């Protein structure tokens, strides 16, 4: 009986069990409870109070899908992903390839790109507010070319600005992933390409890009998942998704509906829809990449 539970590798099972318990407590249980709330007329009550929370079926999903603010939030996050994911992949790969070469101050540059990723979001947001507000440094440099209204209060530019900010802040982490992947690309392939007359660009396109394709798959997936869970940046940069919801994300709207407005059932429905959407995006991406690799 014990062998059936522990399997053929009991030591490995023992090491994995704490992490499985962590996943169950931190991810699986909250997700299951969110699904439960989304199908009930759920509301907060005093501890120990016995209240009726009747089953309502898909009413919460119908209500949130009919809400223009929710639909706009999902549209906003799609705009964010269209900008953020390609920028992240391209910039992190190019910079990692440059930092992988034998250049002076290589360690300094590697650390410099990683610092924004580990820096406190509130402090970094303060810098970007200084740069991109109406009287900020960027508008002062652009002069008459500066947008009016300014970046973070412009309905057309607020979300793209947030996307660029998130790309810049998280770039260091993805550069490290690519740097690790570049160590596994054989130097012989570059030498063979050089012998065949390939320049730097052809070597990069025909050797580096295929050599780090598994890392690119991981980068795309991580950038998609983290981007879909966007919350801190619009909350801090645009004062809660402004202007007029132009930078609101589904997670931000979920927080507003569930916590600020006291409708956890509606907030849970938004969260479940977001999980389904992210899983579908990940499935499409995996199938596409799998076909490319095969």
Protein backbone atom coordinates (compact mmCIF):
# COMPACT_ATOMS: atom_id res chain seq x y z
CA UNK A 1 0.00 0.00 0.00
CA UNK A 2 2.79 2.42 0.94
CA UNK A 3 4.64 1.60 -2.28
CA UNK A 4 1.59 2.54 -4.32
CA UNK A 5 1.38 5.91 -2.58
CA UNK A 6 5.10 6.77 -2.72
CA UNK A 7 5.77 5.16 -6.11
CA UNK A 8 9.10 3.78 -7.30
CA UNK A 9 11.04 6.83 -6.10
CA UNK A 10 9.92 7.52 -2.51
CA UNK A 11 12.71 10.04 -1.89
CA UNK A 12 11.70 12.05 -4.95
CA UNK A 13 8.07 11.90 -3.86
CA UNK A 14 9.06 13.17 -0.41
CA UNK A 15 10.87 16.13 -1.94
CA UNK A 16 7.96 16.97 -4.24
CA UNK A 17 5.21 16.66 -1.62
CA UNK A 18 5.83 20.03 0.15
CA UNK A 19 5.65 21.88 -3.17
CA UNK A 20 2.48 20.02 -4.12
CA UNK A 21 0.98 21.05 -0.78
CA UNK A 22 2.04 24.63 -1.48
CA UNK A 23 0.38 24.55 -4.93
CA UNK A 24 -2.78 23.07 -3.48
CA UNK A 25 -3.03 25.66 -0.69
CA UNK A 26 -1.98 28.76 -2.65
CA UNK A 27 -3.30 28.04 -6.16
CA UNK A 28 -5.65 25.07 -6.43
CA UNK A 29 -7.90 25.83 -3.45
CA UNK A 30 -8.33 29.58 -4.24
CA UNK A 31 -9.08 28.77 -7.89
CA UNK A 32 -11.65 26.14 -6.91
CA UNK A 33 -13.25 28.51 -4.42
CA UNK A 34 -13.36 31.25 -7.06
CA UNK A 35 -15.20 28.89 -9.42
CA UNK A 36 -17.65 28.12 -6.59
CA UNK A 37 -18.27 31.82 -5.88
CA UNK A 38 -18.78 32.59 -9.56
CA UNK A 39 -21.78 30.22 -9.68
CA UNK A 40 -23.43 31.55 -6.53
CA UNK A 41 -24.90 34.79 -5.26
CA UNK A 42 -21.91 35.20 -3.01
CA UNK A 43 -21.27 38.15 -0.71
CA UNK A 44 -19.13 38.90 2.30
CA UNK A 45 -20.65 38.30 5.73
CA UNK A 46 -19.53 38.58 9.33
CA UNK A 47 -17.36 35.69 10.58
CA UNK A 48 -19.54 32.86 11.85
CA UNK A 49 -22.73 34.25 10.30
CA UNK A 50 -24.95 31.72 8.53
CA UNK A 51 -26.34 33.24 5.33
CA UNK A 52 -27.90 31.87 2.18
CA UNK A 53 -25.80 32.02 -0.97
CA UNK A 54 -28.02 30.48 -3.62
CA UNK A 55 -26.79 28.87 -6.82
CA UNK A 56 -27.36 31.24 -9.77
CA UNK A 57 -25.77 29.32 -12.63
CA UNK A 58 -24.20 31.52 -15.27
CA UNK A 59 -25.86 34.76 -14.16
CA UNK A 60 -22.59 36.25 -12.88
CA UNK A 61 -20.85 35.41 -16.16
CA UNK A 62 -23.69 36.92 -18.17
CA UNK A 63 -23.56 40.07 -16.06
CA UNK A 64 -19.81 40.62 -16.35
CA UNK A 65 -19.76 39.87 -20.08
CA UNK A 66 -22.51 42.45 -20.56
CA UNK A 67 -20.50 45.04 -18.61
CA UNK A 68 -18.74 47.45 -21.02
CA UNK A 69 -15.97 48.06 -18.48
CA UNK A 70 -15.15 44.35 -18.31
CA UNK A 71 -15.16 43.94 -22.09
CA UNK A 72 -12.93 46.98 -22.44
CA UNK A 73 -10.52 45.59 -19.83
CA UNK A 74 -10.12 42.36 -21.80
CA UNK A 75 -9.59 44.41 -24.96
CA UNK A 76 -6.99 46.51 -23.14
CA UNK A 77 -5.01 43.47 -22.05
CA UNK A 78 -5.00 42.16 -25.63
CA UNK A 79 -3.53 45.48 -26.77
CA UNK A 80 -0.99 45.20 -23.98
CA UNK A 81 0.03 41.66 -25.00
CA UNK A 82 0.31 42.57 -28.69
CA UNK A 83 2.82 45.28 -27.75
CA UNK A 84 4.55 43.72 -24.76
CA UNK A 85 5.19 40.12 -25.86
CA UNK A 86 6.90 40.83 -29.24
CA UNK A 87 8.91 43.67 -27.72
CA UNK A 88 10.00 41.44 -24.85
CA UNK A 89 11.10 38.61 -27.13
CA UNK A 90 12.94 40.78 -29.65
CA UNK A 91 14.67 43.15 -27.22
CA UNK A 92 15.67 40.52 -24.69
CA UNK A 93 17.12 38.25 -27.38
CA UNK A 94 19.05 41.07 -29.08
CA UNK A 95 20.41 42.39 -25.80
CA UNK A 96 21.27 38.92 -24.52
CA UNK A 97 23.13 38.18 -27.74
CA UNK A 98 25.07 41.44 -27.40
CA UNK A 99 25.83 40.82 -23.72
CA UNK A 100 26.98 37.28 -24.50
CA UNK A 101 29.82 38.66 -26.63
CA UNK A 102 33.21 39.55 -25.22
CA UNK A 103 32.66 43.26 -24.56
CA UNK A 104 34.06 45.58 -21.93
CA UNK A 105 31.97 46.13 -18.79
CA UNK A 106 29.84 43.09 -19.66
CA UNK A 107 29.05 42.30 -16.03
CA UNK A 108 28.12 45.92 -15.37
CA UNK A 109 25.65 45.97 -18.26
CA UNK A 110 24.13 42.65 -17.22
CA UNK A 111 23.52 43.94 -13.71
CA UNK A 112 22.20 47.26 -15.03
CA UNK A 113 19.52 45.57 -17.12
CA UNK A 114 18.50 43.39 -14.17
CA UNK A 115 18.21 46.19 -11.58
CA UNK A 116 14.78 47.49 -12.75
CA UNK A 117 13.34 43.99 -12.44
CA UNK A 118 14.25 43.68 -8.76
CA UNK A 119 13.62 47.33 -7.88
CA UNK A 120 10.46 48.24 -5.96
CA UNK A 121 7.59 48.97 -8.35
CA UNK A 122 6.49 52.05 -6.42
CA UNK A 123 9.94 53.65 -6.71
CA UNK A 124 10.28 52.87 -10.42
CA UNK A 125 6.75 54.09 -11.13
CA UNK A 126 7.66 57.38 -9.48
CA UNK A 127 10.49 57.80 -11.99
CA UNK A 128 8.18 57.07 -14.93
CA UNK A 129 5.57 59.49 -13.64
CA UNK A 130 8.28 62.13 -13.57
CA UNK A 131 9.28 61.26 -17.14
CA UNK A 132 5.84 60.95 -18.74
CA UNK A 133 3.55 63.41 -16.96
CA UNK A 134 2.34 66.52 -18.72
CA UNK A 135 5.35 68.57 -17.63
CA UNK A 136 7.77 65.65 -17.59
CA UNK A 137 11.18 65.24 -19.14
CA UNK A 138 9.93 63.35 -22.22
CA UNK A 139 7.44 66.07 -23.16
CA UNK A 140 10.06 68.74 -22.54
CA UNK A 141 12.41 66.99 -24.99
CA UNK A 142 9.68 66.44 -27.60
CA UNK A 143 8.40 70.01 -27.35
CA UNK A 144 5.63 70.60 -29.92
CA UNK A 145 5.71 66.91 -30.87
CA UNK A 146 4.53 65.88 -27.39
CA UNK A 147 1.03 64.31 -27.36
CA UNK A 148 -1.86 66.32 -26.01
CA UNK A 149 -3.31 65.01 -23.70
CA UNK A 150 -0.11 63.56 -22.32
CA UNK A 151 0.92 59.90 -22.36
CA UNK A 152 -0.72 58.52 -19.23
CA UNK A 153 -3.92 60.58 -19.52
CA UNK A 154 -4.39 59.90 -23.23
CA UNK A 155 -7.01 57.26 -24.02
CA UNK A 156 -5.03 56.04 -27.04
CA UNK A 157 -1.54 56.10 -25.48
CA UNK A 158 -2.13 55.09 -21.85
CA UNK A 159 -2.06 51.31 -22.39
CA UNK A 160 0.83 51.37 -24.91
CA UNK A 161 2.82 53.45 -22.42
CA UNK A 162 2.10 50.93 -19.67
CA UNK A 163 3.15 48.12 -22.06
CA UNK A 164 6.47 49.82 -22.79
CA UNK A 165 7.05 50.39 -19.08
CA UNK A 166 6.40 46.73 -18.21
CA UNK A 167 8.65 45.61 -21.08
CA UNK A 168 11.48 47.79 -19.78
CA UNK A 169 11.03 46.72 -16.15
CA UNK A 170 10.93 42.96 -16.81
CA UNK A 171 13.55 42.89 -19.56
CA UNK A 172 16.40 41.89 -17.24
CA UNK A 173 14.73 38.64 -16.22
CA UNK A 174 14.15 37.53 -19.81
CA UNK A 175 17.68 38.56 -20.78
CA UNK A 176 18.98 36.13 -18.16
CA UNK A 177 16.84 33.34 -19.64
CA UNK A 178 18.29 33.98 -23.09
CA UNK A 179 21.83 34.26 -21.73
CA UNK A 180 21.45 30.82 -20.18
CA UNK A 181 20.07 29.44 -23.46
CA UNK A 182 22.92 30.95 -25.49
CA UNK A 183 25.44 28.92 -23.50
CA UNK A 184 23.98 25.77 -25.08
CA UNK A 185 24.39 26.97 -28.67
CA UNK A 186 27.46 25.22 -30.06
CA UNK A 187 30.34 27.47 -31.12
CA UNK A 188 31.00 25.05 -33.97
CA UNK A 189 27.78 26.18 -35.64
CA UNK A 190 28.99 29.78 -35.69
CA UNK A 191 32.35 28.69 -37.08
CA UNK A 192 30.67 26.63 -39.80
CA UNK A 193 28.44 29.60 -40.70
CA UNK A 194 31.50 31.86 -40.85
CA UNK A 195 33.30 29.43 -43.14
CA UNK A 196 30.24 29.45 -45.42
CA UNK A 197 30.51 33.23 -45.66
CA UNK A 198 27.68 34.16 -43.30
CA UNK A 199 27.95 37.56 -41.63
CA UNK A 200 26.79 38.50 -38.16
CA UNK A 201 23.16 38.97 -39.16
CA UNK A 202 22.91 35.67 -41.05
CA UNK A 203 24.64 33.84 -38.21
CA UNK A 204 22.24 35.38 -35.75
CA UNK A 205 19.17 34.52 -37.83
CA UNK A 206 20.22 31.01 -38.87
CA UNK A 207 22.13 29.85 -35.80
CA UNK A 208 21.17 31.90 -32.74
CA UNK A 209 17.40 32.15 -33.28
CA UNK A 210 16.88 28.40 -33.93
CA UNK A 211 19.31 27.53 -31.13
CA UNK A 212 17.32 29.41 -28.49
CA UNK A 213 13.85 28.46 -29.73
CA UNK A 214 12.96 26.51 -26.55
CA UNK A 215 13.89 29.58 -24.52
CA UNK A 216 11.76 31.73 -26.85
CA UNK A 217 8.82 29.42 -26.15
CA UNK A 218 9.32 29.92 -22.42
CA UNK A 219 9.70 33.69 -22.78
CA UNK A 220 6.50 33.99 -24.83
CA UNK A 221 4.58 31.88 -22.34
CA UNK A 222 5.86 33.73 -19.27
CA UNK A 223 5.34 37.15 -20.86
CA UNK A 224 1.77 36.18 -21.79
CA UNK A 225 0.90 34.88 -18.33
CA UNK A 226 2.45 37.81 -16.45
CA UNK A 227 0.95 40.31 -18.89
CA UNK A 228 -2.53 38.84 -18.53
CA UNK A 229 -2.21 39.32 -14.75
CA UNK A 230 -1.38 43.02 -15.13
CA UNK A 231 -2.43 44.98 -12.04
CA UNK A 232 0.24 47.03 -10.26
CA UNK A 233 1.33 49.10 -13.24
CA UNK A 234 -2.04 50.55 -14.34
CA UNK A 235 -3.10 50.87 -10.70
CA UNK A 236 -0.09 53.07 -9.92
CA UNK A 237 0.73 54.72 -13.25
CA UNK A 238 -2.77 55.75 -14.36
CA UNK A 239 -4.55 56.10 -11.04
CA UNK A 240 -6.56 52.89 -11.27
CA UNK A 241 -6.98 52.24 -14.97
CA UNK A 242 -7.61 55.73 -16.27
CA UNK A 243 -8.34 57.68 -18.26
CA UNK A 244 -11.93 56.43 -18.40
CA UNK A 245 -10.86 52.78 -18.19
CA UNK A 246 -8.44 53.02 -21.12
CA UNK A 247 -5.67 51.23 -19.18
CA UNK A 248 -7.80 49.03 -16.91
CA UNK A 249 -6.87 45.34 -16.90
CA UNK A 250 -9.13 42.38 -16.04
CA UNK A 251 -7.31 41.85 -12.75
CA UNK A 252 -7.76 45.51 -11.85
CA UNK A 253 -11.48 45.39 -12.69
CA UNK A 254 -11.76 42.14 -10.74
CA UNK A 255 -10.25 43.88 -7.71
CA UNK A 256 -12.59 46.85 -8.12
CA UNK A 257 -15.70 44.66 -8.46
CA UNK A 258 -14.80 42.07 -5.88
CA UNK A 259 -13.09 44.09 -3.14
CA UNK A 260 -13.91 47.76 -3.53
CA UNK A 261 -17.55 47.26 -4.57
CA UNK A 262 -18.17 44.14 -2.50
CA UNK A 263 -19.20 41.80 -5.33
CA UNK A 264 -16.88 38.80 -5.00
CA UNK A 265 -19.13 36.65 -7.18
CA UNK A 266 -18.74 39.02 -10.13
CA UNK A 267 -15.01 39.39 -9.43
CA UNK A 268 -14.62 35.61 -9.36
CA UNK A 269 -16.43 35.29 -12.69
CA UNK A 270 -13.97 37.75 -14.23
CA UNK A 271 -11.07 35.79 -12.77
CA UNK A 272 -12.35 32.46 -14.13
CA UNK A 273 -12.83 33.99 -17.58
CA UNK A 274 -9.29 35.34 -17.43
CA UNK A 275 -7.88 31.92 -16.51
CA UNK A 276 -9.73 30.31 -19.41
CA UNK A 277 -8.48 33.00 -21.79
CA UNK A 278 -4.86 32.58 -20.69
CA UNK A 279 -5.07 28.80 -20.99
CA UNK A 280 -6.45 29.11 -24.52
CA UNK A 281 -3.66 31.52 -25.48
CA UNK A 282 -1.06 29.19 -24.00
CA UNK A 283 -2.57 26.22 -25.86
CA UNK A 284 -2.50 28.05 -29.18
CA UNK A 285 1.08 29.18 -28.58
CA UNK A 286 2.23 25.68 -27.60
CA UNK A 287 0.63 24.08 -30.64
CA UNK A 288 2.13 26.68 -32.95
CA UNK A 289 5.61 26.33 -31.46
CA UNK A 290 5.32 22.54 -31.43
CA UNK A 291 4.52 22.55 -35.13
CA UNK A 292 7.46 24.85 -35.81
CA UNK A 293 9.87 22.66 -33.82
CA UNK A 294 8.65 19.45 -35.47
